[in-house]
Amino acid sequence: MPRRQAALVPIAILAVIFALVGGWLGAGPAAAAPPRLRLIIETDAGGDPDDEQSLVRFLLYANEWDVEGIIANRPRAREGENRNPERTGLGVVRRLLTAYGQCQANLAKHDPRYPTLDQLWQRTVAGYDDTEAAVGFLIAAVDRDDPRPLWYSDWGTDSGAAKNNLRRALDRVLRERGPEGYAKFKRRVRLASFDAFGEHTSTVEPPFVLWVNTFRPDLDGKRWYHRFSALTATAGGFDIERDVRAGHGPLGALYPLNTTHRQKEGDSMTFLYLVPTGMNDPQEPTWGSWAGRYGLNPQFPGRAFYWANQQDAWNGTTSRENTLARWAVALQNDFAARMDWCVADDFRKANHNPVAILNGDHTKGIVRLSARPGEKVHLSAADSSDPDGQVIRRRWFVYPEAGTFHGELALSATDAETTSLVAPAVKQPQTVHVILELEDEGRPSLFAYRRAVITVVP
C-alpha cells in the first residue's frame, strides 16, 4: 500500500477554484457545472490485456467524475495471454494506480480535481468469489445519502473471473430486503456496461432504470466493442508509441499491445459514454457521444435498455461506424493531450481544451430552446475562449439523427460566432439538435462542444 498523501481540499471547493482559475486564463466567468456523475467500474484485469489499455485511459479521466470505486474481479492472471508481472487482478490494477500516482502531481497542475493516489487506492477492492468486500462496498455506495444515482460499468467478465459483484449485491439485497427494498436499491443504479447481471437484467422486477450496452450488438459480423480499435487507433495521426507509451511517464508505459486488436480498448466506450464533453447527456443514449449513438434494444421491449444499433450519415456514407468515427480525432487528440499532462509540470507546457459558451451558458449542460414554426432561432458562441490564448475554429452543424425532425434545415452560418435557423413547419412537437464544435490550434488540437436542443411546437 502506498504512503498516505496529504488530504486534499474537498472536491467541491477544488471545482470552484478551478473554475476561477479558468476565468483568469480566459475561460470566462465561473459558473456551476452539471452535477458530477458517481461511477464504479468492475474489471477482470489480468485476463485480456485490453482492460489494462482501458484503465490507462480511464485514469486520465478520473478528474471528470466522482470515482466511487474500482473492483478487480479476477483472482489469478491468465497464463500466456496476460504478461503483466502482477499475477492477481487486484495487483494489476494497483500497479496501474501506482503509475498514476507518480503522474498525479503533474495532472493536478492541469486540473486540480484529479484524485490522489490514496483516494483511489482506498476505493479499489478485490471482488473475488471468496470475499464479500466488493459486495458490501457496492451496497454501501448505492445506499449512500447522495441524491445522485450510481453509474456502474462491468467491463466484461470471462473464464477465470469471479461472478459479477453487482449481481451478487442485487442477490443479497433481494434476499435481505425483499421486493420493495430491492426495487428501491435497483432504482439508484444506472448502467453503461456489459450484461453480467443474469436474471436481474431479464426477469426480476423492476427493470434497471437505464442500461446502455456499449458492447453489442453484432452487425455485419462485427461486435461494437471490437470496432473501437479500427475506428480510432490512428485517427488524426495518433500514434500509440509516440503519444502514449514513450516519453509520457510511467502510466503510458504500462499500456500493453499484446491484444487481438493492437489497441483494442474494448471497455473504453463504457466510460467515454460518460465523459462530459458538453454535447452529450448520459440520460439520452440516442443523442450520441464519444462512445457512439445508441437505440432501444428490441430484445427487451418496453424497457430503457439501449445498444449500438444506430447509424449516422457522415462524410458521404451512412453506417453505425460513423456514430463513433465522427468523433475519433477529437477523442484521440484528447487522450494524447492528457498523456502530455502526465509529464508537463507547468500548465503552460501543454495544450488544454477550449471553453465553449452557448447563448451565454457557461456550464457544460445542454441548452434547451423552444420555437414556433417560422420563428428564427439565434445561437451564439460569444465569450467562448481558449485557456492557452489560441485562436479557435468554430463549426456549427445540425445533428439530424439525434433529433426527431428529419426534414431539410439550413443554418445561416457554419463557422461564424453566431448562427441561426428558421424553425420548420411541424404538425406535432419535434426536436432539432444543433452542435457547436470548437477546435484550437494547439498540438494536438483539442475540441469542445455544446448542444442546443430546440423543441419546435406547432
Protein backbone atom coordinates (compact mmCIF):
# COMPACT_ATOMS: atom_id res chain seq x y z
CA MET A 1 0.00 0.00 0.00
CA PRO A 2 1.44 3.45 -0.88
CA ARG A 3 2.40 6.01 1.73
CA ARG A 4 -0.65 8.12 2.57
CA GLN A 5 -0.65 11.53 0.94
CA ALA A 6 -1.80 14.80 2.47
CA ALA A 7 -5.55 15.27 2.45
CA LEU A 8 -6.83 17.36 -0.42
CA VAL A 9 -9.14 20.30 -0.27
CA PRO A 10 -12.70 18.93 -0.67
CA ILE A 11 -13.67 18.25 -4.29
CA ALA A 12 -16.46 20.84 -4.33
CA ILE A 13 -14.03 23.58 -3.23
CA LEU A 14 -11.47 22.47 -5.82
CA ALA A 15 -14.09 22.70 -8.54
CA VAL A 16 -14.77 26.32 -7.60
CA ILE A 17 -11.05 27.12 -7.52
CA PHE A 18 -10.58 25.54 -10.94
CA ALA A 19 -13.50 27.48 -12.37
CA LEU A 20 -11.96 30.71 -11.09
CA VAL A 21 -8.56 29.79 -12.48
CA GLY A 22 -10.25 29.13 -15.82
CA GLY A 23 -11.66 32.63 -15.67
CA TRP A 24 -8.20 34.13 -15.08
CA LEU A 25 -6.89 32.19 -18.06
CA GLY A 26 -9.59 33.42 -20.40
CA ALA A 27 -12.27 30.83 -19.76
CA GLY A 28 -14.92 33.41 -18.91
CA PRO A 29 -16.95 33.81 -15.72
CA ALA A 30 -17.11 30.88 -13.34
CA ALA A 31 -20.42 29.01 -13.42
CA ALA A 32 -21.90 25.98 -11.72
CA ALA A 33 -21.29 22.81 -13.72
CA PRO A 34 -23.83 19.98 -14.06
CA PRO A 35 -23.58 17.52 -11.14
CA ARG A 36 -20.62 15.19 -11.47
CA LEU A 37 -21.51 11.56 -12.05
CA ARG A 38 -20.78 8.93 -9.41
CA LEU A 39 -19.07 5.95 -11.03
CA ILE A 40 -17.86 2.45 -10.12
CA ILE A 41 -16.13 0.18 -12.60
CA GLU A 42 -15.58 -3.57 -12.35
CA THR A 43 -12.72 -5.03 -14.36
CA ASP A 44 -11.34 -8.52 -14.92
CA ALA A 45 -7.85 -7.07 -15.29
CA GLY A 46 -5.38 -9.92 -15.55
CA GLY A 47 -7.30 -11.53 -18.37
CA ASP A 48 -7.47 -9.92 -21.80
CA PRO A 49 -4.88 -7.11 -21.57
CA ASP A 50 -7.33 -4.69 -23.16
CA ASP A 51 -8.66 -3.98 -19.66
CA GLU A 52 -5.24 -2.52 -18.85
CA GLN A 53 -5.36 -0.45 -22.03
CA SER A 54 -8.73 0.93 -20.99
CA LEU A 55 -7.53 1.52 -17.43
CA VAL A 56 -4.72 3.75 -18.68
CA ARG A 57 -7.25 5.93 -20.48
CA PHE A 58 -9.78 5.74 -17.64
CA LEU A 59 -7.33 7.04 -15.05
CA LEU A 60 -6.60 10.06 -17.23
CA TYR A 61 -10.31 10.94 -16.98
CA ALA A 62 -10.61 10.35 -13.25
CA ASN A 63 -10.98 14.12 -12.83
CA GLU A 64 -14.28 14.12 -14.71
CA TRP A 65 -16.35 12.04 -12.26
CA ASP A 66 -16.57 11.14 -8.62
CA VAL A 67 -14.89 7.75 -8.92
CA GLU A 68 -16.57 5.80 -6.13
CA GLY A 69 -14.66 2.61 -6.71
CA ILE A 70 -12.68 0.16 -8.84
CA ILE A 71 -13.43 -3.55 -8.39
CA ALA A 72 -10.91 -6.13 -9.59
CA ASN A 73 -12.65 -9.48 -10.02
CA ARG A 74 -10.00 -11.86 -11.41
CA PRO A 75 -8.17 -13.76 -8.64
CA ARG A 76 -5.43 -15.13 -10.92
CA ALA A 77 -4.00 -13.64 -14.10
CA ARG A 78 -4.43 -15.74 -17.22
CA GLU A 79 -1.28 -17.56 -18.22
CA GLY A 80 0.06 -16.89 -21.69
CA GLU A 81 -2.36 -14.19 -22.76
CA ASN A 82 -1.61 -11.80 -19.91
CA ARG A 83 2.04 -10.86 -19.41
CA ASN A 84 1.71 -8.44 -16.52
CA PRO A 85 4.25 -9.28 -13.79
CA GLU A 86 1.46 -8.91 -11.23
CA ARG A 87 -0.49 -12.17 -11.18
CA THR A 88 -3.76 -11.15 -9.49
CA GLY A 89 -6.41 -8.79 -10.76
CA LEU A 90 -6.03 -6.54 -7.73
CA GLY A 91 -2.27 -6.50 -8.21
CA VAL A 92 -2.62 -5.50 -11.87
CA VAL A 93 -4.96 -2.63 -11.01
CA ARG A 94 -2.72 -1.45 -8.17
CA ARG A 95 0.30 -1.46 -10.46
CA LEU A 96 -1.54 0.94 -12.77
CA LEU A 97 -2.70 3.03 -9.82
CA THR A 98 0.88 3.34 -8.58
CA ALA A 99 1.93 4.62 -12.00
CA TYR A 100 -0.99 7.07 -11.95
CA GLY A 101 0.17 8.27 -8.54
CA GLN A 102 3.58 9.10 -9.97
CA CYS A 103 1.84 11.33 -12.55
CA GLN A 104 -0.85 12.81 -10.31
CA ALA A 105 1.07 15.89 -9.20
CA ASN A 106 1.56 16.94 -12.81
CA LEU A 107 -2.01 16.05 -13.77
CA ALA A 108 -3.31 18.21 -10.92
CA LYS A 109 -1.47 21.21 -12.36
CA HIS A 110 -3.81 20.93 -15.34
CA ASP A 111 -6.95 20.15 -13.34
CA PRO A 112 -6.92 20.13 -9.52
CA ARG A 113 -9.89 17.74 -9.49
CA TYR A 114 -7.63 14.74 -10.17
CA PRO A 115 -7.96 12.44 -7.14
CA THR A 116 -4.87 11.48 -5.20
CA LEU A 117 -3.42 8.01 -5.39
CA ASP A 118 -4.51 7.42 -1.82
CA GLN A 119 -8.12 8.33 -2.61
CA LEU A 120 -8.27 5.85 -5.50
CA TRP A 121 -6.30 3.19 -3.62
CA GLN A 122 -8.75 3.27 -0.72
CA ARG A 123 -11.63 2.80 -3.18
CA THR A 124 -10.09 -0.16 -5.01
CA VAL A 125 -11.13 -3.61 -3.78
CA ALA A 126 -10.89 -7.26 -4.76
CA GLY A 127 -14.17 -8.73 -5.90
CA TYR A 128 -13.29 -12.42 -5.85
CA ASP A 129 -15.84 -15.16 -5.15
CA ASP A 130 -14.32 -15.95 -1.77
CA THR A 131 -14.74 -12.42 -0.38
CA GLU A 132 -17.73 -10.21 0.32
CA ALA A 133 -15.70 -6.98 0.41
CA ALA A 134 -16.76 -5.72 -3.02
CA VAL A 135 -20.39 -6.68 -2.46
CA GLY A 136 -20.54 -4.70 0.77
CA PHE A 137 -18.64 -1.86 -0.87
CA LEU A 138 -21.20 -1.66 -3.69
CA ILE A 139 -24.19 -1.80 -1.38
CA ALA A 140 -22.77 0.99 0.75
CA ALA A 141 -22.14 3.14 -2.32
CA VAL A 142 -25.68 2.70 -3.65
CA ASP A 143 -27.17 3.34 -0.19
CA ARG A 144 -25.10 6.46 0.40
CA ASP A 145 -27.07 9.58 1.27
CA ASP A 146 -26.49 11.28 -2.07
CA PRO A 147 -29.22 12.43 -4.46
CA ARG A 148 -27.18 11.32 -7.48
CA PRO A 149 -27.66 7.78 -8.82
CA LEU A 150 -24.65 5.49 -9.07
CA TRP A 151 -23.33 4.69 -12.55
CA TYR A 152 -21.82 1.22 -12.79
CA SER A 153 -19.74 -0.38 -15.55
CA ASP A 154 -18.83 -4.03 -15.85
CA TRP A 155 -16.02 -4.28 -18.40
CA GLY A 156 -16.83 -7.83 -19.36
CA THR A 157 -16.05 -10.96 -17.41
CA ASP A 158 -14.96 -14.23 -18.95
CA SER A 159 -13.49 -17.56 -17.91
CA GLY A 160 -11.47 -17.32 -14.73
CA ALA A 161 -13.11 -14.15 -13.43
CA ALA A 162 -15.35 -14.03 -10.39
CA LYS A 163 -19.11 -13.64 -10.53
CA ASN A 164 -20.11 -10.04 -11.18
CA ASN A 165 -20.29 -8.19 -7.88
CA LEU A 166 -23.30 -6.01 -8.68
CA ARG A 167 -25.19 -9.21 -9.46
CA ARG A 168 -24.11 -10.61 -6.09
CA ALA A 169 -25.13 -7.37 -4.39
CA LEU A 170 -28.56 -7.49 -6.00
CA ASP A 171 -28.95 -11.11 -4.90
CA ARG A 172 -28.19 -10.13 -1.32
CA VAL A 173 -30.44 -7.06 -1.32
CA LEU A 174 -33.37 -9.07 -2.71
CA ARG A 175 -32.80 -11.77 -0.12
CA GLU A 176 -32.38 -9.43 2.85
CA ARG A 177 -34.68 -6.51 1.99
CA GLY A 178 -37.43 -8.15 -0.03
CA PRO A 179 -39.03 -6.89 -3.27
CA GLU A 180 -39.71 -3.37 -2.02
CA GLY A 181 -36.20 -2.78 -0.69
CA TYR A 182 -34.76 -4.40 -3.80
CA ALA A 183 -36.74 -2.07 -6.06
CA LYS A 184 -35.61 0.99 -4.13
CA PHE A 185 -31.99 -0.13 -4.32
CA LYS A 186 -32.11 -1.00 -8.02
CA ARG A 187 -33.65 2.34 -8.96
CA ARG A 188 -30.49 4.01 -7.67
CA VAL A 189 -28.29 2.33 -10.32
CA ARG A 190 -27.56 3.30 -13.93
CA LEU A 191 -25.56 1.07 -16.27
CA ALA A 192 -23.05 1.74 -19.04
CA SER A 193 -21.93 -1.83 -19.07
CA PHE A 194 -21.59 -5.31 -20.43
CA ASP A 195 -24.53 -7.55 -19.45
CA ALA A 196 -23.32 -9.53 -16.44
CA PHE A 197 -26.41 -9.42 -14.24
CA GLY A 198 -28.32 -12.58 -15.14
CA GLU A 199 -31.96 -12.61 -14.07
CA HIS A 200 -31.65 -9.07 -12.69
CA THR A 201 -31.47 -7.88 -16.29
CA SER A 202 -34.18 -10.04 -17.75
CA THR A 203 -36.78 -11.19 -15.23
CA VAL A 204 -36.55 -9.71 -11.72
CA GLU A 205 -38.75 -6.63 -11.47
CA PRO A 206 -38.40 -3.73 -11.62
CA PRO A 207 -36.03 -3.37 -14.59
CA PHE A 208 -32.94 -1.22 -14.38
CA VAL A 209 -33.86 2.43 -14.92
CA LEU A 210 -31.30 2.76 -17.75
CA TRP A 211 -28.86 0.32 -19.29
CA VAL A 212 -26.56 1.25 -22.17
CA ASN A 213 -24.75 -1.79 -23.55
CA THR A 214 -21.61 -0.42 -25.20
CA PHE A 215 -20.51 -3.89 -26.35
CA ARG A 216 -23.28 -5.13 -28.64
CA PRO A 217 -24.93 -5.94 -30.96
CA ASP A 218 -23.02 -7.75 -33.67
CA LEU A 219 -23.68 -6.08 -37.02
CA ASP A 220 -22.22 -7.45 -40.24
CA GLY A 221 -20.35 -9.95 -38.08
CA LYS A 222 -18.66 -7.22 -36.04
CA ARG A 223 -19.11 -6.65 -32.32
CA TRP A 224 -19.30 -2.97 -31.40
CA TYR A 225 -16.54 -3.08 -28.80
CA HIS A 226 -14.21 -4.61 -31.39
CA ARG A 227 -14.73 -1.56 -33.61
CA PHE A 228 -13.12 0.91 -31.21
CA SER A 229 -9.61 -0.01 -32.32
CA ALA A 230 -10.40 0.01 -36.03
CA LEU A 231 -12.07 3.43 -35.86
CA THR A 232 -9.75 5.28 -33.50
CA ALA A 233 -6.27 3.71 -33.43
CA THR A 234 -4.65 6.12 -35.90
CA ALA A 235 -7.31 8.83 -36.10
CA GLY A 236 -5.82 12.24 -36.75
CA GLY A 237 -2.33 10.73 -36.98
CA PHE A 238 -2.47 9.29 -33.46
CA ASP A 239 0.50 7.03 -32.76
CA ILE A 240 0.38 4.79 -29.69
CA GLU A 241 4.16 4.66 -29.25
CA ARG A 242 4.80 8.37 -29.73
CA ASP A 243 1.69 9.68 -27.95
CA VAL A 244 1.34 7.21 -25.06
CA ARG A 245 3.99 4.56 -24.46
CA ALA A 246 7.19 6.57 -24.97
CA GLY A 247 8.20 9.71 -23.12
CA HIS A 248 4.89 10.19 -21.28
CA GLY A 249 5.67 8.81 -17.88
CA PRO A 250 5.06 5.53 -16.06
CA LEU A 251 1.32 5.26 -16.73
CA GLY A 252 1.56 5.41 -20.51
CA ALA A 253 4.45 2.95 -20.43
CA LEU A 254 2.08 0.33 -18.96
CA TYR A 255 -0.25 0.38 -21.99
CA PRO A 256 0.10 -3.20 -23.36
CA LEU A 257 -0.11 -4.09 -27.04
CA ASN A 258 -0.50 -7.90 -26.96
CA THR A 259 -4.23 -7.90 -27.68
CA THR A 260 -6.16 -9.35 -30.61
CA HIS A 261 -6.56 -5.79 -31.88
CA ARG A 262 -3.35 -3.89 -31.11
CA GLN A 263 -5.23 -1.01 -29.49
CA LYS A 264 -8.37 -2.92 -28.67
CA GLU A 265 -9.65 -0.98 -25.60
CA GLY A 266 -12.94 -2.83 -25.81
CA ASP A 267 -14.04 -1.41 -22.46
CA SER A 268 -13.26 2.25 -23.07
CA MET A 269 -16.66 3.07 -24.52
CA THR A 270 -18.28 2.33 -21.14
CA PHE A 271 -16.72 5.48 -19.69
CA LEU A 272 -16.26 7.54 -22.86
CA TYR A 273 -20.06 7.47 -22.92
CA LEU A 274 -19.95 9.37 -19.61
CA VAL A 275 -17.24 11.96 -20.38
CA PRO A 276 -18.88 15.40 -20.10
CA THR A 277 -17.86 16.82 -23.46
CA GLY A 278 -20.61 19.43 -23.49
CA MET A 279 -22.59 17.73 -26.25
CA ASN A 280 -23.71 14.55 -24.52
CA ASP A 281 -26.23 13.69 -21.82
CA PRO A 282 -25.79 10.18 -20.36
CA GLN A 283 -29.55 10.02 -19.77
CA GLU A 284 -30.07 10.32 -23.54
CA PRO A 285 -28.36 7.42 -25.37
CA THR A 286 -29.93 8.29 -28.74
CA TRP A 287 -28.25 11.70 -28.82
CA GLY A 288 -24.69 10.47 -29.40
CA SER A 289 -21.40 10.81 -27.52
CA TRP A 290 -17.75 9.87 -27.86
CA ALA A 291 -18.91 6.25 -27.47
CA GLY A 292 -21.27 6.40 -30.45
CA ARG A 293 -25.05 6.58 -30.61
CA TYR A 294 -27.46 4.02 -29.19
CA GLY A 295 -31.02 2.87 -29.81
CA LEU A 296 -33.54 0.75 -27.97
CA ASN A 297 -32.70 -2.95 -27.71
CA PRO A 298 -35.66 -4.87 -29.21
CA GLN A 299 -34.81 -7.93 -27.12
CA PHE A 300 -36.22 -6.07 -24.10
CA PRO A 301 -39.42 -4.39 -25.28
CA GLY A 302 -40.80 -1.70 -23.02
CA ARG A 303 -37.52 -1.22 -21.13
CA ALA A 304 -35.00 1.61 -21.33
CA PHE A 305 -32.28 -0.77 -22.48
CA TYR A 306 -30.07 0.51 -25.31
CA TRP A 307 -27.31 -0.81 -27.53
CA ALA A 308 -25.27 0.29 -30.54
CA ASN A 309 -27.73 -0.30 -33.38
CA GLN A 310 -27.97 3.23 -34.82
CA GLN A 311 -26.49 4.75 -37.98
CA ASP A 312 -25.24 8.23 -38.84
CA ALA A 313 -24.83 9.89 -42.22
CA TRP A 314 -21.36 11.43 -42.25
CA ASN A 315 -18.65 12.07 -44.84
CA GLY A 316 -20.87 10.78 -47.63
CA THR A 317 -21.69 7.40 -46.07
CA THR A 318 -24.29 6.04 -43.66
CA SER A 319 -23.25 3.42 -41.12
CA ARG A 320 -23.03 2.52 -37.44
CA GLU A 321 -19.27 3.17 -37.61
CA ASN A 322 -19.94 6.84 -38.29
CA THR A 323 -21.57 7.29 -34.86
CA LEU A 324 -18.07 6.87 -33.39
CA ALA A 325 -15.77 7.70 -36.31
CA ARG A 326 -17.08 11.29 -36.47
CA TRP A 327 -15.53 11.95 -33.02
CA ALA A 328 -12.42 9.76 -33.36
CA VAL A 329 -9.90 12.55 -34.00
CA ALA A 330 -11.25 14.60 -31.09
CA LEU A 331 -11.16 11.76 -28.55
CA GLN A 332 -7.69 10.57 -29.57
CA ASN A 333 -6.25 14.09 -29.54
CA ASP A 334 -7.76 14.46 -26.07
CA PHE A 335 -6.09 11.23 -24.96
CA ALA A 336 -2.74 12.42 -26.33
CA ALA A 337 -3.06 15.80 -24.57
CA ARG A 338 -3.82 14.17 -21.23
CA MET A 339 -0.78 11.95 -21.66
CA ASP A 340 1.19 15.18 -22.16
CA TRP A 341 -0.22 16.45 -18.84
CA CYS A 342 1.39 13.43 -17.15
CA VAL A 343 4.84 14.91 -17.82
CA ALA A 344 4.10 18.64 -18.19
CA ASP A 345 4.86 20.11 -14.77
CA ASP A 346 3.52 23.54 -15.71
CA PHE A 347 0.13 24.49 -17.14
CA ARG A 348 1.86 26.45 -19.90
CA LYS A 349 3.73 23.40 -21.17
CA ALA A 350 0.70 21.56 -22.60
CA ASN A 351 -2.50 22.17 -24.50
CA HIS A 352 -5.96 22.40 -22.95
CA ASN A 353 -9.50 22.26 -24.30
CA PRO A 354 -11.28 25.41 -25.41
CA VAL A 355 -14.23 26.55 -23.33
CA ALA A 356 -17.48 26.56 -25.28
CA ILE A 357 -20.14 29.08 -24.27
CA LEU A 358 -23.54 28.69 -25.91
CA ASN A 359 -26.06 31.52 -25.69
CA GLY A 360 -24.36 32.83 -22.58
CA ASP A 361 -24.50 29.49 -20.74
CA HIS A 362 -21.14 28.88 -19.06
CA THR A 363 -21.81 25.31 -17.93
CA LYS A 364 -21.30 22.13 -19.93
CA GLY A 365 -25.02 21.45 -19.82
CA ILE A 366 -27.46 21.07 -22.69
CA VAL A 367 -29.08 24.32 -23.80
CA ARG A 368 -32.79 23.81 -24.36
CA LEU A 369 -34.78 26.21 -26.50
CA SER A 370 -38.28 26.31 -27.94
CA ALA A 371 -39.70 27.91 -31.07
CA ARG A 372 -42.78 28.14 -33.25
CA PRO A 373 -42.70 27.20 -36.94
CA GLY A 374 -41.22 30.04 -38.96
CA GLU A 375 -39.53 31.63 -35.93
CA LYS A 376 -35.82 32.40 -36.23
CA VAL A 377 -33.70 30.71 -33.55
CA HIS A 378 -30.46 32.51 -32.74
CA LEU A 379 -27.37 30.72 -31.46
CA SER A 380 -24.21 32.40 -30.22
CA ALA A 381 -20.73 31.22 -29.27
CA ALA A 382 -19.81 34.64 -27.86
CA ASP A 383 -17.48 34.53 -24.84
CA SER A 384 -16.09 31.14 -25.87
CA SER A 385 -12.36 31.13 -25.25
CA ASP A 386 -9.18 29.13 -25.06
CA PRO A 387 -7.23 28.85 -21.78
CA ASP A 388 -3.97 28.86 -23.73
CA GLY A 389 -4.87 32.02 -25.67
CA GLN A 390 -5.04 30.22 -29.02
CA VAL A 391 -7.24 31.04 -31.98
CA ILE A 392 -10.40 28.91 -32.00
CA ARG A 393 -12.05 27.46 -35.09
CA ARG A 394 -15.86 27.33 -34.81
CA ARG A 395 -18.16 24.90 -36.54
CA TRP A 396 -21.94 24.68 -36.27
CA PHE A 397 -23.91 21.72 -37.61
CA VAL A 398 -27.32 20.13 -37.34
CA TYR A 399 -27.23 16.56 -35.99
CA PRO A 400 -30.37 15.21 -37.71
CA GLU A 401 -30.23 11.65 -36.35
CA ALA A 402 -30.25 12.88 -32.77
CA GLY A 403 -33.48 14.86 -33.19
CA THR A 404 -36.98 13.84 -34.18
CA PHE A 405 -37.30 16.27 -37.12
CA HIS A 406 -35.64 14.82 -40.20
CA GLY A 407 -36.54 17.33 -42.87
CA GLU A 408 -34.26 19.87 -44.53
CA LEU A 409 -32.75 22.55 -42.29
CA ALA A 410 -30.22 25.26 -43.07
CA LEU A 411 -28.02 27.22 -40.69
CA SER A 412 -27.30 30.84 -41.62
CA ALA A 413 -23.59 30.28 -40.92
CA THR A 414 -21.41 27.30 -40.11
CA ASP A 415 -18.16 28.92 -38.98
CA ALA A 416 -19.14 32.30 -37.50
CA GLU A 417 -19.54 33.40 -33.90
CA THR A 418 -23.31 33.38 -34.35
CA THR A 419 -25.73 31.41 -36.45
CA SER A 420 -29.47 30.93 -36.77
CA LEU A 421 -32.09 28.69 -38.29
CA VAL A 422 -35.74 29.05 -39.13
CA ALA A 423 -37.88 26.62 -37.17
CA PRO A 424 -39.54 24.20 -39.60
CA ALA A 425 -43.23 23.58 -40.10
CA VAL A 426 -44.39 20.68 -37.92
CA LYS A 427 -47.73 19.10 -37.08
CA GLN A 428 -46.63 17.91 -33.65
CA PRO A 429 -43.73 18.86 -31.35
CA GLN A 430 -40.39 17.92 -32.90
CA THR A 431 -36.79 18.41 -31.77
CA VAL A 432 -33.82 19.77 -33.69
CA HIS A 433 -30.26 19.29 -32.39
CA VAL A 434 -27.53 21.80 -33.25
CA ILE A 435 -23.92 21.18 -32.21
CA LEU A 436 -21.32 23.87 -31.61
CA GLU A 437 -17.81 22.47 -32.06
CA LEU A 438 -14.69 24.43 -31.15
CA GLU A 439 -11.16 23.40 -32.12
CA ASP A 440 -7.99 25.15 -31.02
CA GLU A 441 -4.71 25.36 -32.92
CA GLY A 442 -2.57 23.55 -30.35
CA ARG A 443 -0.62 20.34 -30.74
CA PRO A 444 -2.57 18.18 -30.53
CA SER A 445 -5.54 20.35 -31.38
CA LEU A 446 -8.31 19.98 -28.82
CA PHE A 447 -12.08 20.22 -29.08
CA ALA A 448 -15.01 21.43 -27.02
CA TYR A 449 -18.71 21.05 -27.73
CA ARG A 450 -22.11 22.35 -26.75
CA ARG A 451 -25.52 21.11 -27.83
CA ALA A 452 -28.71 23.07 -28.34
CA VAL A 453 -31.93 21.06 -28.32
CA ILE A 454 -34.66 23.11 -29.96
CA THR A 455 -38.23 21.94 -29.48
CA VAL A 456 -40.48 23.19 -32.25
CA VAL A 457 -44.10 23.41 -31.16
CA PRO A 458 -46.91 23.94 -33.73
